Amino acid sequence: MKEILYKSYKDRRSVPKNLLNKDSKLFEHEYIKKIPDSYLFRSKNITYFNSIILSISRLRYFKKYSFFGDKTMLERFKRIIKNYSISNKNEIIIEKGIWFTDHKSHVYFHWILDSLQRAEISYKYQKEYPLLVPEELYELAFVSESLEHLGFEYKVLNKNQIYKLKEVVIISKTAQTGNYNKYILDNLVKRFFSFSKKEKSSPNKNLFILRKQERGRNIKNLHEIESILEKYNFETIEFENFNFKEKIKLLSNCKNLVGIFGSGLTNMIFMKKNTNVIEIRRKNDEKNNAFFSLASSMNINYFYLFFEFGENGLEINVDNFEYLVSRLP
């Protein structure tokens, strides 16, 4: 039986601040979105191994709650058989736990904005039902660090080991990926800040996100972009080098955040309201609006700029980049 934790509602998004009429088709289908009910239900005698949960007696795989994207039944069956075959068959019994992840949770964006939102709405149950965290996820620094930072109760499940879970609380996804229940998100962000010192000063930093693998390689005209960033007092950062307390302090002081579409933009959740984000996104991309939607949910001003792929990597139009950066509020 489902227990509704948050009721569905219609989310209305703010229009990009620099929207051109010719680009309306990229965003107009995102302006109003129905955010579904968030709920939990309990299931007994669940078998677990390598991020897979299933009820053998009921032949149920829980695809909706443990998998991301659409796979055929044959592909799911092969995944189950492969992982079962390499797992220790001596079952370890766990009395109670909470299921809140899927097979995309190893990606920073999905961990923060999908999995941790599911963890957030289960918080009041965690004294009795700890979060069940696959070891392959826990080995990621941002996963283990965030769980500790947020004060969640959890239990790590070993790789290649079969567990019998006597009772599991299964948490629904809070919205389709790239969309957010703003009430749950607000609670999660408050929890992040509750364990960090709040910055009271007005935001004044300008930050440009550069991932390590992008340095001098993916951005074809990086040197030209860097000269513009220097001109307008932007600091180039690699979020991989910061822990959560450092990121929260840095972003809560950030007035303008600029970055190419990617997980680094997830960190805008630590920015204050009415600050500014520029997403550099693929031209004519109508599907990937996760950061447009996120900015709206966080009451952050959203701007966009396009990149195009060339022979030696992606390229940002220098004139357009400087025009937009120079006119940030």
Protein backbone atom coordinates (compact mmCIF):
# COMPACT_ATOMS: atom_id res chain seq x y z
CA MET A 1 0.00 0.00 0.00
CA LYS A 2 1.42 3.39 -1.01
CA GLU A 3 1.94 6.16 1.52
CA ILE A 4 1.81 9.56 -0.20
CA LEU A 5 4.53 11.86 1.16
CA TYR A 6 4.14 14.79 -1.26
CA LYS A 7 1.14 15.34 -3.51
CA SER A 8 1.43 16.11 -7.21
CA TYR A 9 1.35 19.68 -8.45
CA LYS A 10 1.98 21.74 -11.58
CA ASP A 11 5.36 23.42 -11.66
CA ARG A 12 5.56 26.67 -13.63
CA ARG A 13 9.05 27.66 -14.82
CA SER A 14 10.51 31.09 -15.43
CA VAL A 15 11.50 31.95 -19.00
CA PRO A 16 15.25 32.23 -19.76
CA LYS A 17 16.39 35.80 -19.22
CA ASN A 18 17.98 36.11 -22.67
CA LEU A 19 15.41 34.09 -24.65
CA LEU A 20 15.28 34.80 -28.38
CA ASN A 21 12.09 34.05 -30.30
CA LYS A 22 13.90 31.63 -32.58
CA ASP A 23 14.92 29.54 -29.55
CA SER A 24 11.45 29.32 -27.97
CA LYS A 25 10.94 25.75 -29.19
CA LEU A 26 13.86 24.60 -27.01
CA PHE A 27 12.10 25.59 -23.79
CA GLU A 28 8.36 26.09 -24.31
CA HIS A 29 7.46 22.45 -23.61
CA GLU A 30 9.15 22.81 -20.19
CA TYR A 31 7.29 25.89 -18.93
CA ILE A 32 4.60 23.88 -17.16
CA LYS A 33 5.34 20.38 -15.85
CA LYS A 34 3.30 18.08 -13.66
CA ILE A 35 5.36 16.86 -10.73
CA PRO A 36 3.93 13.50 -9.59
CA ASP A 37 3.11 12.22 -6.13
CA SER A 38 6.12 11.17 -4.07
CA TYR A 39 5.39 8.06 -2.04
CA LEU A 40 6.77 4.99 -0.35
CA PHE A 41 5.62 1.42 0.05
CA ARG A 42 6.89 -1.58 1.99
CA SER A 43 7.91 -4.91 0.58
CA LYS A 44 9.08 -8.06 2.37
CA ASN A 45 11.56 -10.82 1.63
CA ILE A 46 13.55 -8.96 -1.02
CA THR A 47 16.73 -10.34 -2.57
CA TYR A 48 19.59 -7.91 -3.23
CA PHE A 49 22.90 -8.17 -5.09
CA ASN A 50 25.00 -5.59 -6.97
CA SER A 51 22.42 -2.77 -6.97
CA ILE A 52 19.62 -5.14 -8.02
CA ILE A 53 16.54 -5.70 -5.87
CA LEU A 54 13.91 -8.26 -6.71
CA SER A 55 11.23 -10.40 -5.21
CA ILE A 56 11.91 -13.93 -6.36
CA SER A 57 8.61 -15.30 -5.04
CA ARG A 58 6.64 -12.65 -6.95
CA LEU A 59 8.97 -12.47 -9.96
CA ARG A 60 9.20 -8.70 -9.51
CA TYR A 61 12.27 -6.67 -10.52
CA PHE A 62 11.22 -3.19 -9.24
CA LYS A 63 12.40 -1.62 -12.48
CA LYS A 64 10.57 1.64 -11.82
CA TYR A 65 12.43 2.16 -8.54
CA SER A 66 15.89 0.78 -9.27
CA PHE A 67 16.56 1.40 -12.93
CA PHE A 68 17.09 4.49 -15.05
CA GLY A 69 15.88 4.61 -18.62
CA ASP A 70 14.20 1.94 -20.66
CA LYS A 71 15.72 -1.48 -21.25
CA THR A 72 14.16 -4.55 -22.84
CA MET A 73 13.08 -7.45 -20.68
CA LEU A 74 15.89 -9.54 -22.19
CA GLU A 75 18.52 -6.92 -21.27
CA ARG A 76 17.21 -6.74 -17.70
CA PHE A 77 17.17 -10.54 -17.46
CA LYS A 78 20.78 -10.76 -18.67
CA ARG A 79 21.84 -8.17 -16.10
CA ILE A 80 20.21 -10.15 -13.30
CA ILE A 81 21.74 -13.46 -14.35
CA LYS A 82 25.22 -11.98 -14.85
CA ASN A 83 25.32 -10.33 -11.43
CA TYR A 84 23.74 -13.26 -9.64
CA SER A 85 26.33 -15.64 -11.08
CA ILE A 86 29.27 -13.67 -9.63
CA SER A 87 27.73 -13.13 -6.19
CA ASN A 88 28.38 -15.03 -2.97
CA LYS A 89 25.36 -17.31 -2.46
CA ASN A 90 25.69 -17.39 1.34
CA GLU A 91 22.93 -14.92 2.10
CA ILE A 92 23.39 -12.17 4.66
CA ILE A 93 20.15 -11.22 6.37
CA ILE A 94 19.18 -7.59 6.99
CA GLU A 95 16.03 -6.91 8.96
CA LYS A 96 15.07 -3.47 7.59
CA GLY A 97 16.25 -0.85 5.12
CA ILE A 98 15.32 1.87 2.65
CA TRP A 99 15.83 1.59 -1.12
CA PHE A 100 16.52 4.95 -2.79
CA THR A 101 19.01 4.49 -5.67
CA ASP A 102 19.10 3.34 -9.28
CA HIS A 103 21.85 2.32 -11.68
CA LYS A 104 22.58 5.96 -12.61
CA SER A 105 23.25 7.04 -9.04
CA HIS A 106 27.02 6.90 -9.63
CA VAL A 107 26.72 10.11 -11.69
CA TYR A 108 27.04 13.24 -9.51
CA PHE A 109 23.97 14.93 -11.00
CA HIS A 110 21.77 11.87 -10.50
CA TRP A 111 23.12 11.21 -7.01
CA ILE A 112 22.36 14.72 -5.78
CA LEU A 113 19.13 15.46 -7.64
CA ASP A 114 17.55 12.01 -7.90
CA SER A 115 18.86 9.74 -5.14
CA LEU A 116 19.39 12.27 -2.35
CA GLN A 117 15.94 13.73 -2.89
CA ARG A 118 14.55 10.23 -2.37
CA ALA A 119 16.71 9.92 0.75
CA GLU A 120 15.46 13.28 2.01
CA ILE A 121 11.79 12.30 1.99
CA SER A 122 12.60 9.11 3.89
CA TYR A 123 14.54 10.90 6.64
CA LYS A 124 12.00 10.42 9.42
CA TYR A 125 12.07 6.65 8.84
CA GLN A 126 15.83 6.26 8.94
CA LYS A 127 16.25 5.48 12.64
CA GLU A 128 14.30 2.29 12.08
CA TYR A 129 15.10 1.78 8.39
CA PRO A 130 18.64 2.82 7.36
CA LEU A 131 19.40 3.76 3.77
CA LEU A 132 20.78 0.79 1.80
CA VAL A 133 23.88 1.98 -0.05
CA PRO A 134 25.57 -0.30 -2.62
CA GLU A 135 29.32 -0.53 -1.99
CA GLU A 136 30.06 0.42 -5.60
CA LEU A 137 28.36 3.76 -4.90
CA TYR A 138 29.85 4.24 -1.45
CA GLU A 139 33.36 4.00 -2.92
CA LEU A 140 32.69 7.29 -4.72
CA ALA A 141 33.96 10.17 -2.58
CA PHE A 142 30.97 12.42 -3.25
CA VAL A 143 28.57 9.66 -2.18
CA SER A 144 30.20 8.74 1.13
CA GLU A 145 30.99 12.37 1.93
CA SER A 146 27.46 13.62 1.25
CA LEU A 147 25.88 10.86 3.36
CA GLU A 148 28.08 11.82 6.29
CA HIS A 149 27.61 15.55 5.72
CA LEU A 150 23.81 15.21 5.68
CA GLY A 151 23.62 13.02 8.77
CA PHE A 152 21.73 10.19 7.10
CA GLU A 153 21.55 6.75 8.69
CA TYR A 154 22.79 4.13 6.23
CA LYS A 155 24.18 0.65 5.75
CA VAL A 156 26.69 -0.29 3.02
CA LEU A 157 25.91 -3.47 1.04
CA ASN A 158 28.98 -5.35 -0.18
CA LYS A 159 29.64 -6.00 -3.84
CA ASN A 160 29.10 -9.54 -5.15
CA GLN A 161 27.15 -10.54 -2.06
CA ILE A 162 23.56 -11.75 -1.89
CA TYR A 163 21.41 -10.26 0.85
CA LYS A 164 17.99 -11.21 2.09
CA LEU A 165 16.15 -8.05 3.11
CA LYS A 166 13.28 -8.95 5.39
CA GLU A 167 11.49 -5.61 5.04
CA VAL A 168 12.32 -2.79 2.64
CA VAL A 169 10.82 0.68 2.40
CA ILE A 170 10.96 1.58 -1.29
CA ILE A 171 10.95 5.29 -2.11
CA SER A 172 9.46 6.51 -5.37
CA LYS A 173 11.35 8.83 -7.66
CA THR A 174 10.41 12.41 -6.82
CA ALA A 175 10.06 13.48 -10.47
CA GLN A 176 11.15 12.48 -13.93
CA THR A 177 14.91 13.03 -14.17
CA GLY A 178 15.66 16.64 -15.10
CA ASN A 179 12.61 17.81 -13.13
CA TYR A 180 12.34 18.45 -9.42
CA ASN A 181 9.86 18.61 -6.61
CA LYS A 182 10.88 22.08 -5.43
CA TYR A 183 9.61 21.46 -1.90
CA ILE A 184 11.75 18.35 -1.45
CA LEU A 185 14.70 20.06 -3.12
CA ASP A 186 14.36 23.03 -0.78
CA ASN A 187 14.44 20.71 2.24
CA LEU A 188 17.50 18.90 0.90
CA VAL A 189 19.39 22.16 0.31
CA LYS A 190 18.49 23.35 3.81
CA ARG A 191 19.90 20.09 5.17
CA PHE A 192 23.17 20.69 3.29
CA PHE A 193 23.40 24.17 4.79
CA SER A 194 22.45 23.04 8.29
CA PHE A 195 25.85 21.37 8.57
CA SER A 196 27.81 24.32 7.14
CA LYS A 197 28.44 27.88 8.21
CA LYS A 198 26.10 30.23 6.36
CA GLU A 199 27.64 33.10 4.44
CA LYS A 200 25.80 36.33 5.26
CA SER A 201 27.61 38.60 2.80
CA SER A 202 26.15 39.42 -0.61
CA PRO A 203 27.39 37.13 -3.40
CA ASN A 204 30.26 38.69 -5.35
CA LYS A 205 32.20 35.85 -6.99
CA ASN A 206 32.18 35.04 -10.70
CA LEU A 207 32.92 31.37 -11.41
CA PHE A 208 33.52 29.38 -14.60
CA ILE A 209 33.30 25.59 -14.32
CA LEU A 210 36.00 23.60 -16.06
CA ARG A 211 36.16 19.84 -15.64
CA LYS A 212 39.60 18.26 -15.55
CA GLN A 213 39.05 16.25 -18.70
CA GLU A 214 38.02 19.41 -20.56
CA ARG A 215 41.18 21.41 -19.86
CA GLY A 216 42.76 22.35 -23.19
CA ARG A 217 41.20 19.37 -24.95
CA ASN A 218 37.43 19.50 -25.32
CA ILE A 219 37.08 23.28 -25.60
CA LYS A 220 38.73 24.08 -28.90
CA ASN A 221 39.11 27.82 -28.26
CA LEU A 222 39.74 27.64 -24.51
CA HIS A 223 42.52 30.25 -24.53
CA GLU A 224 40.23 32.87 -26.08
CA ILE A 225 37.53 32.08 -23.53
CA GLU A 226 40.01 32.30 -20.67
CA SER A 227 41.12 35.77 -21.76
CA ILE A 228 37.49 36.95 -21.60
CA LEU A 229 37.02 35.34 -18.19
CA GLU A 230 40.10 37.15 -16.90
CA LYS A 231 38.83 40.44 -18.33
CA TYR A 232 35.54 40.13 -16.42
CA ASN A 233 37.05 38.82 -13.17
CA PHE A 234 35.95 35.19 -13.45
CA GLU A 235 37.70 32.48 -11.48
CA THR A 236 38.07 29.09 -13.20
CA ILE A 237 37.28 26.18 -10.88
CA GLU A 238 37.24 22.40 -10.97
CA PHE A 239 34.60 21.17 -8.54
CA GLU A 240 36.30 17.79 -8.28
CA ASN A 241 38.88 19.50 -6.04
CA PHE A 242 36.34 20.66 -3.43
CA ASN A 243 34.50 18.87 -0.64
CA PHE A 244 30.89 19.75 0.15
CA LYS A 245 31.63 22.30 2.84
CA GLU A 246 34.04 24.06 0.48
CA LYS A 247 31.55 23.97 -2.39
CA ILE A 248 28.77 25.35 -0.23
CA LYS A 249 30.96 28.23 0.96
CA LEU A 250 32.17 28.95 -2.57
CA LEU A 251 28.76 28.80 -4.24
CA SER A 252 26.92 30.74 -1.55
CA ASN A 253 29.32 33.59 -2.40
CA CYS A 254 28.82 33.16 -6.16
CA LYS A 255 26.92 35.84 -8.06
CA ASN A 256 27.51 34.50 -11.59
CA LEU A 257 28.12 30.85 -12.48
CA VAL A 258 29.01 29.81 -16.03
CA GLY A 259 29.51 26.27 -17.27
CA ILE A 260 29.08 23.81 -20.10
CA PHE A 261 26.15 21.41 -19.77
CA GLY A 262 27.29 18.81 -17.24
CA SER A 263 27.23 17.71 -13.62
CA GLY A 264 29.18 20.74 -12.40
CA LEU A 265 26.10 22.91 -12.87
CA THR A 266 24.33 20.76 -10.27
CA ASN A 267 26.16 22.83 -7.66
CA MET A 268 23.98 25.85 -8.40
CA ILE A 269 21.74 24.48 -5.64
CA PHE A 270 24.14 26.12 -3.17
CA MET A 271 23.73 29.59 -4.73
CA LYS A 272 21.47 32.26 -3.30
CA LYS A 273 18.22 33.34 -4.91
CA ASN A 274 18.32 35.89 -7.76
CA THR A 275 21.90 35.09 -8.69
CA ASN A 276 22.77 34.13 -12.28
CA VAL A 277 23.66 30.99 -14.21
CA ILE A 278 24.79 30.73 -17.83
CA GLU A 279 24.51 27.23 -19.29
CA ILE A 280 26.60 26.66 -22.42
CA ARG A 281 24.57 24.01 -24.20
CA ARG A 282 24.45 22.14 -27.48
CA LYS A 283 22.79 24.09 -30.26
CA ASN A 284 19.17 23.10 -31.06
CA ASP A 285 18.99 20.69 -28.11
CA GLU A 286 15.32 20.49 -27.06
CA LYS A 287 15.69 17.51 -24.72
CA ASN A 288 18.31 18.41 -22.12
CA ASN A 289 16.72 21.14 -20.03
CA ALA A 290 17.68 19.82 -16.61
CA PHE A 291 19.62 22.94 -15.62
CA PHE A 292 17.05 25.35 -17.01
CA SER A 293 14.47 23.59 -14.83
CA LEU A 294 16.83 23.48 -11.85
CA ALA A 295 17.57 27.21 -12.04
CA SER A 296 13.84 27.93 -12.06
CA SER A 297 13.25 25.68 -9.05
CA MET A 298 16.04 27.49 -7.18
CA ASN A 299 14.83 30.99 -8.19
CA ILE A 300 18.09 31.62 -10.04
CA ASN A 301 18.21 33.69 -13.23
CA TYR A 302 18.91 31.39 -16.19
CA PHE A 303 20.81 32.43 -19.33
CA TYR A 304 21.96 30.19 -22.17
CA LEU A 305 24.61 30.15 -24.86
CA PHE A 306 25.28 27.56 -27.55
CA PHE A 307 28.38 25.58 -28.41
CA GLU A 308 29.04 23.60 -31.55
CA PHE A 309 31.25 20.57 -32.15
CA GLY A 310 34.22 20.90 -34.46
CA GLU A 311 37.03 18.59 -35.51
CA ASN A 312 39.11 19.25 -32.39
CA GLY A 313 36.36 19.56 -29.81
CA LEU A 314 33.54 21.89 -28.94
CA GLU A 315 33.74 25.57 -29.78
CA ILE A 316 32.12 28.56 -28.08
CA ASN A 317 31.40 31.67 -30.11
CA VAL A 318 33.78 34.21 -28.57
CA ASP A 319 31.78 37.32 -29.46
CA ASN A 320 28.52 35.89 -28.14
CA PHE A 321 30.27 34.69 -25.00
CA GLU A 322 31.74 38.11 -24.21
CA TYR A 323 28.48 39.88 -25.04
CA LEU A 324 26.54 37.73 -22.58
CA VAL A 325 29.15 37.72 -19.81
CA SER A 326 29.63 41.50 -20.01
CA ARG A 327 25.90 42.08 -19.52
CA LEU A 328 25.28 39.88 -16.53
CA PRO A 329 23.40 41.81 -13.84
